[in-house]
Every structure is written in C-alpha cells, then in structure tokens.
Amino acid sequence: MHKAIVSYVHGIDRMSRVTGKYVMFMVFGMMGILLFESIARTIFNRPHIWAVEFSQFVMAAYYTLGGAYSHLIEGNVRMDIFYHKWSPRRKAMMDCFTFSILAFYLVVLLHGAVNGIEYAIQYKQVSYSAWSPVLYPIKIIMTIGIVMMMLQSISEFFKDLARVRGEELSEGDEPSVEEKSPVRAKASA
C-alpha cells in the first residue's frame, strides 16, 4: 500500500482510539446526571426540568462520537450466517463490497445532519420541552461523530483492500520516523 494510505489508516485509527477511550466515560456523566435527578426528586422533592433531556443529549453524543471506535474494534453487530466461517481474505472482499452501501448511508446521514445544523442555527431551533434548550450544539456534535465514522469506514476499507491484495495494515506497519522524513533518512545514511 502507498505510504499516504498507510499514514491515513494509522492516523484515523489513532484518532478513533483516543476519542473512543475518552468518550466511553460519558456514560458515567449520563448516569451521574440521572442519579442527581433521582436524588433531587425523591429525597429533596426538587425535580429539575433539564436533567432527563440533558442526559439524552449526553447519550446521543456518546453513541455518535463512539461509533468510529466501535467500528475500529469490530464492536458492531453482524447478522452473519456464513461470514464467521469465511477466510480473512473472503471476509475482506465482502467488506469491500458492503463499504459502498455503508458509504452511501453515511453520506445521506451527513447531508441530513448538515441541513439540520443549518436549520437549527437559522431558525434558532429549540427543543419542544419545558427546558427548551437550543439544539444546534448537539447537532454539531452528532455531525462530528458522523464524519468520524466516515473517516474510520474509509480506513477499514483500505485495510480490507490490503487484505484482499494479500497485505496487512496492522499497527506495526506505521512508517518509521526515517521513512516519514527523507531528511533524517539521508542524515543517518
């Protein structure tokens, strides 16, 4: 594989891994918000109108920003009857084929997300609840998650393409400092 593709794959995988390791803690934030609301409502008889909806926003950010990491670690759900029995090369061929379906879906999703952001900003869209927060921040966060999922899907496509060709793009394939910088390679020679 071309060095630019290898660098892209490793850069996107690294971004997804780092983001995923931080985003996974958002579930504790959501649990904390709901615990706070439960205690405030039952013990102190002081319910808050924002708590449930804010925890829904945190959950939406959690699953959209964590989607790329889930795809990276193959945490996605597959309904396979035959897939698990196939060789890695045959799985890669099927994944290359299904990439086009996933890419189409993500492009349509991204188009809708960008339109949703434009609408939310233009019309100062708020939620139809008693709290009525503005919606563009969560829409922006979800759009970032969709873009990250697109980038990770392209990375997975390149890895599958390499497998089909009999190559492997694993963690150890990242170009060394000497390979990245021709100046250092000449200096060390």
N, C-alpha and C. Protein backbone atom coordinates (compact mmCIF):
# COMPACT_ATOMS: atom_id res chain seq x y z
N MET A 1 0.83 -1.19 0.00
CA MET A 1 0.00 0.00 0.00
C MET A 1 0.88 1.25 0.00
N HIS A 2 0.35 2.27 -0.58
CA HIS A 2 1.03 3.56 -0.65
C HIS A 2 1.22 4.12 0.75
N LYS A 3 2.34 4.80 0.97
CA LYS A 3 2.64 5.34 2.31
C LYS A 3 1.59 6.32 2.79
N ALA A 4 1.01 7.09 1.87
CA ALA A 4 -0.03 8.06 2.26
C ALA A 4 -1.26 7.33 2.80
N ILE A 5 -1.60 6.20 2.19
CA ILE A 5 -2.75 5.42 2.65
C ILE A 5 -2.45 4.81 4.01
N VAL A 6 -1.24 4.28 4.17
CA VAL A 6 -0.84 3.69 5.44
C VAL A 6 -0.87 4.75 6.54
N SER A 7 -0.36 5.94 6.24
CA SER A 7 -0.37 7.03 7.22
C SER A 7 -1.80 7.44 7.56
N TYR A 8 -2.66 7.50 6.54
CA TYR A 8 -4.06 7.84 6.77
C TYR A 8 -4.71 6.82 7.70
N VAL A 9 -4.52 5.55 7.39
CA VAL A 9 -5.13 4.49 8.19
C VAL A 9 -4.67 4.58 9.64
N HIS A 10 -3.39 4.74 9.85
CA HIS A 10 -2.88 4.79 11.22
C HIS A 10 -3.31 6.07 11.94
N GLY A 11 -3.36 7.18 11.22
CA GLY A 11 -3.80 8.43 11.83
C GLY A 11 -5.26 8.38 12.24
N ILE A 12 -6.11 7.89 11.36
CA ILE A 12 -7.54 7.79 11.67
C ILE A 12 -7.78 6.75 12.77
N ASP A 13 -7.09 5.62 12.71
CA ASP A 13 -7.24 4.62 13.76
C ASP A 13 -6.83 5.19 15.12
N ARG A 14 -5.75 5.95 15.13
CA ARG A 14 -5.28 6.57 16.37
C ARG A 14 -6.33 7.57 16.89
N MET A 15 -6.87 8.39 15.98
CA MET A 15 -7.88 9.37 16.37
C MET A 15 -9.11 8.66 16.94
N SER A 16 -9.56 7.61 16.28
CA SER A 16 -10.74 6.87 16.76
C SER A 16 -10.47 6.23 18.10
N ARG A 17 -9.28 5.68 18.27
CA ARG A 17 -8.93 5.01 19.53
C ARG A 17 -8.90 6.01 20.68
N VAL A 18 -8.23 7.14 20.48
CA VAL A 18 -8.13 8.15 21.54
C VAL A 18 -9.51 8.72 21.86
N THR A 19 -10.25 9.08 20.83
CA THR A 19 -11.60 9.63 21.05
C THR A 19 -12.48 8.62 21.77
N GLY A 20 -12.45 7.39 21.32
CA GLY A 20 -13.27 6.35 21.93
C GLY A 20 -12.94 6.10 23.38
N LYS A 21 -11.66 6.16 23.73
CA LYS A 21 -11.27 5.91 25.12
C LYS A 21 -11.72 7.02 26.05
N TYR A 22 -11.87 8.24 25.53
CA TYR A 22 -12.39 9.34 26.35
C TYR A 22 -13.92 9.37 26.34
N VAL A 23 -14.50 9.13 25.18
CA VAL A 23 -15.95 9.21 25.04
C VAL A 23 -16.64 8.13 25.87
N MET A 24 -15.98 6.99 26.07
CA MET A 24 -16.63 5.92 26.82
C MET A 24 -16.97 6.34 28.24
N PHE A 25 -16.30 7.35 28.76
CA PHE A 25 -16.59 7.81 30.11
C PHE A 25 -17.83 8.70 30.17
N MET A 26 -18.34 9.10 29.02
CA MET A 26 -19.55 9.92 29.01
C MET A 26 -20.75 9.18 29.58
N VAL A 27 -20.72 7.86 29.53
CA VAL A 27 -21.83 7.09 30.09
C VAL A 27 -21.90 7.33 31.60
N PHE A 28 -20.75 7.55 32.24
CA PHE A 28 -20.76 7.85 33.67
C PHE A 28 -21.33 9.24 33.93
N GLY A 29 -21.06 10.18 33.03
CA GLY A 29 -21.66 11.50 33.14
C GLY A 29 -23.17 11.42 33.04
N MET A 30 -23.65 10.63 32.10
CA MET A 30 -25.09 10.46 31.94
C MET A 30 -25.68 9.82 33.19
N MET A 31 -25.01 8.80 33.71
CA MET A 31 -25.50 8.15 34.93
C MET A 31 -25.49 9.12 36.10
N GLY A 32 -24.47 9.96 36.17
CA GLY A 32 -24.39 10.96 37.25
C GLY A 32 -25.53 11.96 37.18
N ILE A 33 -25.86 12.40 35.97
CA ILE A 33 -26.98 13.34 35.80
C ILE A 33 -28.28 12.69 36.25
N LEU A 34 -28.50 11.45 35.84
CA LEU A 34 -29.74 10.76 36.21
C LEU A 34 -29.78 10.45 37.71
N LEU A 35 -28.64 10.11 38.30
CA LEU A 35 -28.59 9.87 39.74
C LEU A 35 -28.87 11.17 40.50
N PHE A 36 -28.26 12.26 40.05
CA PHE A 36 -28.53 13.56 40.65
C PHE A 36 -30.01 13.88 40.61
N GLU A 37 -30.63 13.68 39.46
CA GLU A 37 -32.06 13.97 39.32
C GLU A 37 -32.90 13.07 40.21
N SER A 38 -32.53 11.80 40.30
CA SER A 38 -33.29 10.88 41.16
C SER A 38 -33.22 11.30 42.62
N ILE A 39 -32.04 11.66 43.07
CA ILE A 39 -31.87 12.10 44.47
C ILE A 39 -32.61 13.41 44.71
N ALA A 40 -32.46 14.36 43.76
CA ALA A 40 -33.13 15.65 43.92
C ALA A 40 -34.65 15.48 43.94
N ARG A 41 -35.16 14.58 43.13
CA ARG A 41 -36.61 14.39 43.03
C ARG A 41 -37.16 13.64 44.24
N THR A 42 -36.51 12.55 44.64
CA THR A 42 -37.09 11.70 45.69
C THR A 42 -36.75 12.15 47.10
N ILE A 43 -35.52 12.56 47.32
CA ILE A 43 -35.10 12.91 48.69
C ILE A 43 -35.43 14.37 49.01
N PHE A 44 -35.10 15.28 48.08
CA PHE A 44 -35.28 16.70 48.35
C PHE A 44 -36.55 17.29 47.74
N ASN A 45 -37.31 16.49 47.02
CA ASN A 45 -38.53 16.93 46.36
C ASN A 45 -38.28 18.19 45.51
N ARG A 46 -37.15 18.21 44.78
CA ARG A 46 -36.76 19.34 43.94
C ARG A 46 -36.41 18.83 42.54
N PRO A 47 -37.39 18.44 41.74
CA PRO A 47 -37.08 17.95 40.38
C PRO A 47 -36.54 19.06 39.50
N HIS A 48 -35.78 18.68 38.52
CA HIS A 48 -35.20 19.62 37.56
C HIS A 48 -35.73 19.29 36.17
N ILE A 49 -36.13 20.32 35.45
CA ILE A 49 -36.73 20.09 34.13
C ILE A 49 -35.68 19.74 33.07
N TRP A 50 -34.42 19.98 33.34
CA TRP A 50 -33.38 19.81 32.33
C TRP A 50 -32.69 18.45 32.38
N ALA A 51 -32.79 17.72 33.49
CA ALA A 51 -31.92 16.56 33.72
C ALA A 51 -32.12 15.43 32.71
N VAL A 52 -33.35 15.02 32.48
CA VAL A 52 -33.58 13.88 31.59
C VAL A 52 -33.18 14.23 30.16
N GLU A 53 -33.57 15.42 29.71
CA GLU A 53 -33.23 15.81 28.34
C GLU A 53 -31.73 15.99 28.17
N PHE A 54 -31.06 16.55 29.16
CA PHE A 54 -29.61 16.72 29.07
C PHE A 54 -28.91 15.36 29.04
N SER A 55 -29.43 14.40 29.81
CA SER A 55 -28.83 13.05 29.76
C SER A 55 -29.06 12.41 28.39
N GLN A 56 -30.17 12.73 27.73
CA GLN A 56 -30.39 12.24 26.37
C GLN A 56 -29.38 12.85 25.40
N PHE A 57 -29.05 14.12 25.58
CA PHE A 57 -28.03 14.76 24.75
C PHE A 57 -26.67 14.11 24.96
N VAL A 58 -26.34 13.82 26.22
CA VAL A 58 -25.07 13.16 26.53
C VAL A 58 -25.03 11.78 25.89
N MET A 59 -26.15 11.06 25.94
CA MET A 59 -26.21 9.73 25.33
C MET A 59 -26.06 9.81 23.82
N ALA A 60 -26.69 10.81 23.19
CA ALA A 60 -26.56 10.97 21.74
C ALA A 60 -25.11 11.26 21.36
N ALA A 61 -24.44 12.10 22.14
CA ALA A 61 -23.02 12.38 21.89
C ALA A 61 -22.19 11.12 22.10
N TYR A 62 -22.52 10.36 23.13
CA TYR A 62 -21.80 9.13 23.46
C TYR A 62 -21.83 8.14 22.31
N TYR A 63 -22.99 7.88 21.77
CA TYR A 63 -23.04 6.84 20.73
C TYR A 63 -22.61 7.34 19.37
N THR A 64 -22.77 8.64 19.07
CA THR A 64 -22.29 9.09 17.76
C THR A 64 -20.78 9.27 17.75
N LEU A 65 -20.22 9.83 18.82
CA LEU A 65 -18.76 10.01 18.87
C LEU A 65 -18.05 8.67 19.08
N GLY A 66 -18.71 7.72 19.69
CA GLY A 66 -18.09 6.41 19.93
C GLY A 66 -18.26 5.44 18.77
N GLY A 67 -19.00 5.81 17.74
CA GLY A 67 -19.24 4.92 16.61
C GLY A 67 -17.98 4.53 15.86
N ALA A 68 -17.08 5.48 15.66
CA ALA A 68 -15.84 5.19 14.95
C ALA A 68 -14.98 4.19 15.73
N TYR A 69 -14.90 4.37 17.04
CA TYR A 69 -14.13 3.45 17.87
C TYR A 69 -14.75 2.05 17.85
N SER A 70 -16.07 2.00 17.91
CA SER A 70 -16.76 0.72 17.85
C SER A 70 -16.48 0.01 16.53
N HIS A 71 -16.45 0.79 15.45
CA HIS A 71 -16.14 0.21 14.14
C HIS A 71 -14.69 -0.28 14.09
N LEU A 72 -13.79 0.47 14.70
CA LEU A 72 -12.37 0.10 14.73
C LEU A 72 -12.15 -1.22 15.45
N ILE A 73 -12.79 -1.41 16.58
CA ILE A 73 -12.57 -2.63 17.36
C ILE A 73 -13.52 -3.75 16.98
N GLU A 74 -14.26 -3.53 15.88
CA GLU A 74 -15.23 -4.50 15.37
C GLU A 74 -16.28 -4.84 16.41
N GLY A 75 -16.74 -3.80 17.11
CA GLY A 75 -17.77 -3.97 18.12
C GLY A 75 -19.17 -3.85 17.54
N ASN A 76 -19.24 -3.71 16.22
CA ASN A 76 -20.55 -3.58 15.57
C ASN A 76 -21.25 -4.94 15.53
N VAL A 77 -22.54 -4.90 15.41
CA VAL A 77 -23.34 -6.12 15.38
C VAL A 77 -23.44 -6.62 13.94
N ARG A 78 -23.16 -7.90 13.75
CA ARG A 78 -23.30 -8.53 12.44
C ARG A 78 -24.33 -9.63 12.54
N MET A 79 -25.19 -9.68 11.55
CA MET A 79 -26.08 -10.82 11.44
C MET A 79 -25.46 -11.73 10.38
N ASP A 80 -24.62 -12.62 10.84
CA ASP A 80 -23.95 -13.46 9.86
C ASP A 80 -24.32 -14.93 10.03
N ILE A 81 -24.56 -15.51 8.92
CA ILE A 81 -24.79 -16.95 8.89
C ILE A 81 -23.54 -17.63 8.36
N PHE A 82 -22.91 -16.98 7.39
CA PHE A 82 -21.74 -17.56 6.74
C PHE A 82 -20.45 -16.82 7.07
N TYR A 83 -20.55 -15.54 7.37
CA TYR A 83 -19.38 -14.66 7.49
C TYR A 83 -18.30 -15.21 8.43
N HIS A 84 -18.70 -15.68 9.60
CA HIS A 84 -17.72 -16.14 10.58
C HIS A 84 -16.95 -17.38 10.12
N LYS A 85 -17.46 -18.08 9.12
CA LYS A 85 -16.78 -19.29 8.61
C LYS A 85 -15.81 -18.98 7.48
N TRP A 86 -15.90 -17.77 6.94
CA TRP A 86 -15.07 -17.41 5.79
C TRP A 86 -13.63 -17.11 6.20
N SER A 87 -12.75 -17.19 5.21
CA SER A 87 -11.35 -16.83 5.44
C SER A 87 -11.24 -15.31 5.57
N PRO A 88 -10.16 -14.82 6.17
CA PRO A 88 -9.99 -13.37 6.30
C PRO A 88 -10.04 -12.65 4.95
N ARG A 89 -9.50 -13.27 3.91
CA ARG A 89 -9.49 -12.64 2.58
C ARG A 89 -10.91 -12.54 2.03
N ARG A 90 -11.68 -13.58 2.19
CA ARG A 90 -13.06 -13.56 1.69
C ARG A 90 -13.93 -12.57 2.49
N LYS A 91 -13.69 -12.50 3.81
CA LYS A 91 -14.38 -11.50 4.62
C LYS A 91 -14.04 -10.09 4.13
N ALA A 92 -12.77 -9.88 3.82
CA ALA A 92 -12.33 -8.56 3.34
C ALA A 92 -12.99 -8.22 2.01
N MET A 93 -13.13 -9.21 1.12
CA MET A 93 -13.81 -8.95 -0.15
C MET A 93 -15.27 -8.54 0.08
N MET A 94 -15.94 -9.24 0.98
CA MET A 94 -17.33 -8.90 1.27
C MET A 94 -17.42 -7.52 1.92
N ASP A 95 -16.49 -7.21 2.82
CA ASP A 95 -16.49 -5.90 3.47
C ASP A 95 -16.21 -4.78 2.46
N CYS A 96 -15.36 -5.05 1.48
CA CYS A 96 -15.12 -4.05 0.41
C CYS A 96 -16.40 -3.80 -0.37
N PHE A 97 -17.15 -4.85 -0.62
CA PHE A 97 -18.42 -4.70 -1.34
C PHE A 97 -19.43 -3.92 -0.50
N THR A 98 -19.58 -4.28 0.75
CA THR A 98 -20.58 -3.62 1.60
C THR A 98 -20.17 -2.21 2.00
N PHE A 99 -18.90 -1.86 1.81
CA PHE A 99 -18.45 -0.49 2.09
C PHE A 99 -19.25 0.52 1.28
N SER A 100 -19.56 0.19 0.03
CA SER A 100 -20.30 1.13 -0.80
C SER A 100 -21.69 1.42 -0.22
N ILE A 101 -22.31 0.42 0.35
CA ILE A 101 -23.63 0.61 0.98
C ILE A 101 -23.49 1.48 2.22
N LEU A 102 -22.49 1.19 3.05
CA LEU A 102 -22.23 1.99 4.24
C LEU A 102 -21.89 3.43 3.88
N ALA A 103 -21.05 3.61 2.87
CA ALA A 103 -20.65 4.95 2.45
C ALA A 103 -21.86 5.75 1.98
N PHE A 104 -22.74 5.12 1.20
CA PHE A 104 -23.95 5.80 0.75
C PHE A 104 -24.80 6.22 1.94
N TYR A 105 -24.98 5.33 2.88
CA TYR A 105 -25.78 5.62 4.08
C TYR A 105 -25.17 6.79 4.86
N LEU A 106 -23.86 6.77 5.04
CA LEU A 106 -23.21 7.84 5.82
C LEU A 106 -23.26 9.18 5.10
N VAL A 107 -23.15 9.16 3.77
CA VAL A 107 -23.25 10.42 3.01
C VAL A 107 -24.65 11.01 3.15
N VAL A 108 -25.68 10.16 3.04
CA VAL A 108 -27.06 10.65 3.21
C VAL A 108 -27.25 11.17 4.64
N LEU A 109 -26.73 10.45 5.61
CA LEU A 109 -26.83 10.87 7.01
C LEU A 109 -26.12 12.21 7.23
N LEU A 110 -24.93 12.36 6.64
CA LEU A 110 -24.19 13.61 6.78
C LEU A 110 -24.92 14.76 6.12
N HIS A 111 -25.50 14.51 4.96
CA HIS A 111 -26.26 15.55 4.28
C HIS A 111 -27.41 16.03 5.18
N GLY A 112 -28.14 15.09 5.75
CA GLY A 112 -29.24 15.44 6.65
C GLY A 112 -28.76 16.17 7.90
N ALA A 113 -27.61 15.75 8.41
CA ALA A 113 -27.07 16.39 9.61
C ALA A 113 -26.66 17.83 9.35
N VAL A 114 -26.00 18.07 8.22
CA VAL A 114 -25.59 19.43 7.87
C VAL A 114 -26.83 20.31 7.65
N ASN A 115 -27.83 19.78 6.96
CA ASN A 115 -29.08 20.53 6.79
C ASN A 115 -29.74 20.82 8.13
N GLY A 116 -29.68 19.86 9.04
CA GLY A 116 -30.25 20.04 10.38
C GLY A 116 -29.55 21.13 11.17
N ILE A 117 -28.23 21.20 11.03
CA ILE A 117 -27.46 22.25 11.71
C ILE A 117 -27.82 23.61 11.14
N GLU A 118 -27.86 23.69 9.81
CA GLU A 118 -28.21 24.97 9.17
C GLU A 118 -29.59 25.43 9.62
N TYR A 119 -30.54 24.52 9.65
CA TYR A 119 -31.90 24.85 10.08
C TYR A 119 -31.91 25.31 11.54
N ALA A 120 -31.22 24.57 12.40
CA ALA A 120 -31.20 24.89 13.84
C ALA A 120 -30.58 26.26 14.10
N ILE A 121 -29.55 26.61 13.35
CA ILE A 121 -28.91 27.91 13.54
C ILE A 121 -29.77 29.02 12.94
N GLN A 122 -30.26 28.80 11.73
CA GLN A 122 -31.03 29.83 11.04
C GLN A 122 -32.31 30.20 11.79
N TYR A 123 -33.02 29.20 12.29
CA TYR A 123 -34.30 29.45 12.95
C TYR A 123 -34.21 29.40 14.47
N LYS A 124 -32.98 29.35 14.99
CA LYS A 124 -32.77 29.30 16.45
C LYS A 124 -33.65 28.20 17.08
N GLN A 125 -33.53 27.01 16.51
CA GLN A 125 -34.35 25.88 16.90
C GLN A 125 -34.09 25.48 18.35
N VAL A 126 -35.17 25.28 19.08
CA VAL A 126 -35.08 24.80 20.46
C VAL A 126 -35.92 23.53 20.58
N SER A 127 -35.67 22.79 21.63
CA SER A 127 -36.44 21.58 21.90
C SER A 127 -37.84 21.95 22.36
N TYR A 128 -38.81 21.11 22.03
CA TYR A 128 -40.19 21.34 22.45
C TYR A 128 -40.42 20.75 23.84
N SER A 129 -39.68 21.21 24.80
CA SER A 129 -39.83 20.74 26.17
C SER A 129 -39.92 21.96 27.09
N ALA A 130 -40.15 21.71 28.35
CA ALA A 130 -40.23 22.82 29.31
C ALA A 130 -38.88 23.53 29.43
N TRP A 131 -37.81 22.80 29.29
CA TRP A 131 -36.47 23.38 29.38
C TRP A 131 -36.14 24.17 28.12
N SER A 132 -36.52 23.65 26.98
CA SER A 132 -36.33 24.21 25.63
C SER A 132 -34.91 24.73 25.35
N PRO A 133 -33.92 23.81 25.39
CA PRO A 133 -32.55 24.23 25.05
C PRO A 133 -32.39 24.39 23.54
N VAL A 134 -31.38 25.16 23.14
CA VAL A 134 -31.07 25.27 21.72
C VAL A 134 -30.51 23.93 21.26
N LEU A 135 -30.76 23.57 20.01
CA LEU A 135 -30.40 22.24 19.53
C LEU A 135 -29.14 22.17 18.68
N TYR A 136 -28.65 23.33 18.22
CA TYR A 136 -27.50 23.24 17.31
C TYR A 136 -26.25 22.66 17.95
N PRO A 137 -25.94 22.84 19.25
CA PRO A 137 -24.72 22.22 19.79
C PRO A 137 -24.71 20.69 19.68
N ILE A 138 -25.83 20.05 20.04
CA ILE A 138 -25.86 18.59 19.96
C ILE A 138 -25.87 18.13 18.51
N LYS A 139 -26.48 18.91 17.64
CA LYS A 139 -26.48 18.55 16.21
C LYS A 139 -25.06 18.64 15.64
N ILE A 140 -24.29 19.61 16.08
CA ILE A 140 -22.90 19.74 15.63
C ILE A 140 -22.08 18.55 16.14
N ILE A 141 -22.26 18.20 17.41
CA ILE A 141 -21.53 17.07 17.98
C ILE A 141 -21.87 15.78 17.24
N MET A 142 -23.15 15.57 16.94
CA MET A 142 -23.55 14.36 16.22
C MET A 142 -22.99 14.35 14.80
N THR A 143 -22.90 15.51 14.16
CA THR A 143 -22.32 15.59 12.82
C THR A 143 -20.83 15.25 12.86
N ILE A 144 -20.14 15.71 13.88
CA ILE A 144 -18.72 15.35 14.05
C ILE A 144 -18.59 13.83 14.17
N GLY A 145 -19.49 13.21 14.92
CA GLY A 145 -19.48 11.75 15.05
C GLY A 145 -19.71 11.05 13.72
N ILE A 146 -20.60 11.59 12.90
CA ILE A 146 -20.85 11.01 11.58
C ILE A 146 -19.61 11.12 10.70
N VAL A 147 -18.95 12.29 10.73
CA VAL A 147 -17.72 12.47 9.95
C VAL A 147 -16.65 11.51 10.42
N MET A 148 -16.51 11.35 11.74
CA MET A 148 -15.52 10.41 12.26
C MET A 148 -15.83 8.98 11.81
N MET A 149 -17.10 8.63 11.78
CA MET A 149 -17.49 7.30 11.32
C MET A 149 -17.15 7.11 9.85
N MET A 150 -17.36 8.16 9.05
CA MET A 150 -17.00 8.10 7.63
C MET A 150 -15.49 7.88 7.47
N LEU A 151 -14.71 8.65 8.20
CA LEU A 151 -13.25 8.53 8.11
C LEU A 151 -12.78 7.14 8.54
N GLN A 152 -13.38 6.61 9.62
CA GLN A 152 -13.00 5.28 10.08
C GLN A 152 -13.44 4.22 9.10
N SER A 153 -14.58 4.39 8.46
CA SER A 153 -15.05 3.43 7.46
C SER A 153 -14.11 3.38 6.26
N ILE A 154 -13.60 4.54 5.86
CA ILE A 154 -12.62 4.58 4.77
C ILE A 154 -11.35 3.87 5.19
N SER A 155 -10.93 4.08 6.43
CA SER A 155 -9.75 3.38 6.96
C SER A 155 -9.96 1.87 6.93
N GLU A 156 -11.12 1.42 7.36
CA GLU A 156 -11.42 -0.02 7.34
C GLU A 156 -11.45 -0.55 5.91
N PHE A 157 -11.95 0.26 4.97
CA PHE A 157 -11.97 -0.14 3.57
C PHE A 157 -10.55 -0.36 3.06
N PHE A 158 -9.63 0.56 3.40
CA PHE A 158 -8.24 0.40 2.97
C PHE A 158 -7.61 -0.84 3.59
N LYS A 159 -7.93 -1.13 4.84
CA LYS A 159 -7.40 -2.34 5.47
C LYS A 159 -7.94 -3.59 4.79
N ASP A 160 -9.23 -3.57 4.46
CA ASP A 160 -9.82 -4.72 3.76
C ASP A 160 -9.24 -4.87 2.36
N LEU A 161 -9.03 -3.76 1.68
CA LEU A 161 -8.43 -3.79 0.35
C LEU A 161 -7.02 -4.38 0.41
N ALA A 162 -6.28 -4.01 1.43
CA ALA A 162 -4.93 -4.58 1.61
C ALA A 162 -5.02 -6.09 1.84
N ARG A 163 -5.98 -6.53 2.66
CA ARG A 163 -6.15 -7.97 2.91
C ARG A 163 -6.49 -8.73 1.63
N VAL A 164 -7.34 -8.12 0.80
CA VAL A 164 -7.69 -8.75 -0.48
C VAL A 164 -6.45 -8.91 -1.34
N ARG A 165 -5.56 -7.92 -1.28
CA ARG A 165 -4.32 -7.96 -2.06
C ARG A 165 -3.24 -8.84 -1.42
N GLY A 166 -3.54 -9.41 -0.25
CA GLY A 166 -2.57 -10.28 0.42
C GLY A 166 -1.64 -9.52 1.34
N GLU A 167 -1.93 -8.28 1.62
CA GLU A 167 -1.12 -7.47 2.52
C GLU A 167 -1.87 -7.30 3.83
N GLU A 168 -1.20 -6.69 4.79
CA GLU A 168 -1.85 -6.45 6.08
C GLU A 168 -1.43 -5.07 6.58
N LEU A 169 -2.41 -4.27 6.95
CA LEU A 169 -2.14 -2.96 7.53
C LEU A 169 -2.41 -3.05 9.02
N SER A 170 -1.41 -3.48 9.76
CA SER A 170 -1.59 -3.60 11.21
C SER A 170 -0.88 -2.45 11.90
N GLU A 171 -0.95 -2.42 13.21
CA GLU A 171 -0.33 -1.35 13.99
C GLU A 171 1.17 -1.22 13.71
N GLY A 172 1.84 -2.31 13.49
CA GLY A 172 3.27 -2.27 13.28
C GLY A 172 3.69 -1.77 11.91
N ASP A 173 2.74 -1.54 11.00
CA ASP A 173 3.07 -1.11 9.65
C ASP A 173 3.25 0.39 9.51
N GLU A 174 3.10 1.13 10.61
CA GLU A 174 3.21 2.57 10.52
C GLU A 174 4.63 2.93 10.10
N PRO A 175 4.79 3.87 9.18
CA PRO A 175 6.12 4.25 8.73
C PRO A 175 6.96 4.77 9.88
N SER A 176 8.22 4.40 9.90
CA SER A 176 9.12 4.88 10.95
C SER A 176 9.43 6.36 10.71
N VAL A 177 10.11 6.97 11.67
CA VAL A 177 10.48 8.38 11.55
C VAL A 177 11.36 8.58 10.32
N GLU A 178 12.25 7.63 10.05
CA GLU A 178 13.14 7.74 8.90
C GLU A 178 12.34 7.68 7.60
N GLU A 179 11.32 6.83 7.55
CA GLU A 179 10.52 6.73 6.33
C GLU A 179 9.65 7.97 6.12
N LYS A 180 9.20 8.58 7.23
CA LYS A 180 8.36 9.76 7.12
C LYS A 180 9.16 10.98 6.69
N SER A 181 10.41 11.07 7.14
CA SER A 181 11.21 12.25 6.87
C SER A 181 12.42 11.89 6.03
N PRO A 182 12.46 12.28 4.76
CA PRO A 182 13.61 11.96 3.93
C PRO A 182 14.89 12.62 4.42
N VAL A 183 14.79 13.74 5.10
CA VAL A 183 15.98 14.44 5.61
C VAL A 183 16.67 13.57 6.65
N ARG A 184 15.92 12.98 7.57
CA ARG A 184 16.51 12.13 8.61
C ARG A 184 17.11 10.87 7.99
N ALA A 185 16.45 10.34 6.95
CA ALA A 185 16.96 9.12 6.31
C ALA A 185 18.32 9.39 5.68
N LYS A 186 18.50 10.56 5.04
CA LYS A 186 19.78 10.90 4.43
C LYS A 186 20.84 11.16 5.47
N ALA A 187 20.44 11.78 6.58
CA ALA A 187 21.38 12.10 7.64
C ALA A 187 21.91 10.85 8.32
N SER A 188 21.07 9.81 8.45
CA SER A 188 21.51 8.60 9.13
C SER A 188 22.30 7.69 8.20
N ALA A 189 22.28 7.93 6.89
CA ALA A 189 22.98 7.06 5.95
C ALA A 189 24.44 7.34 5.87
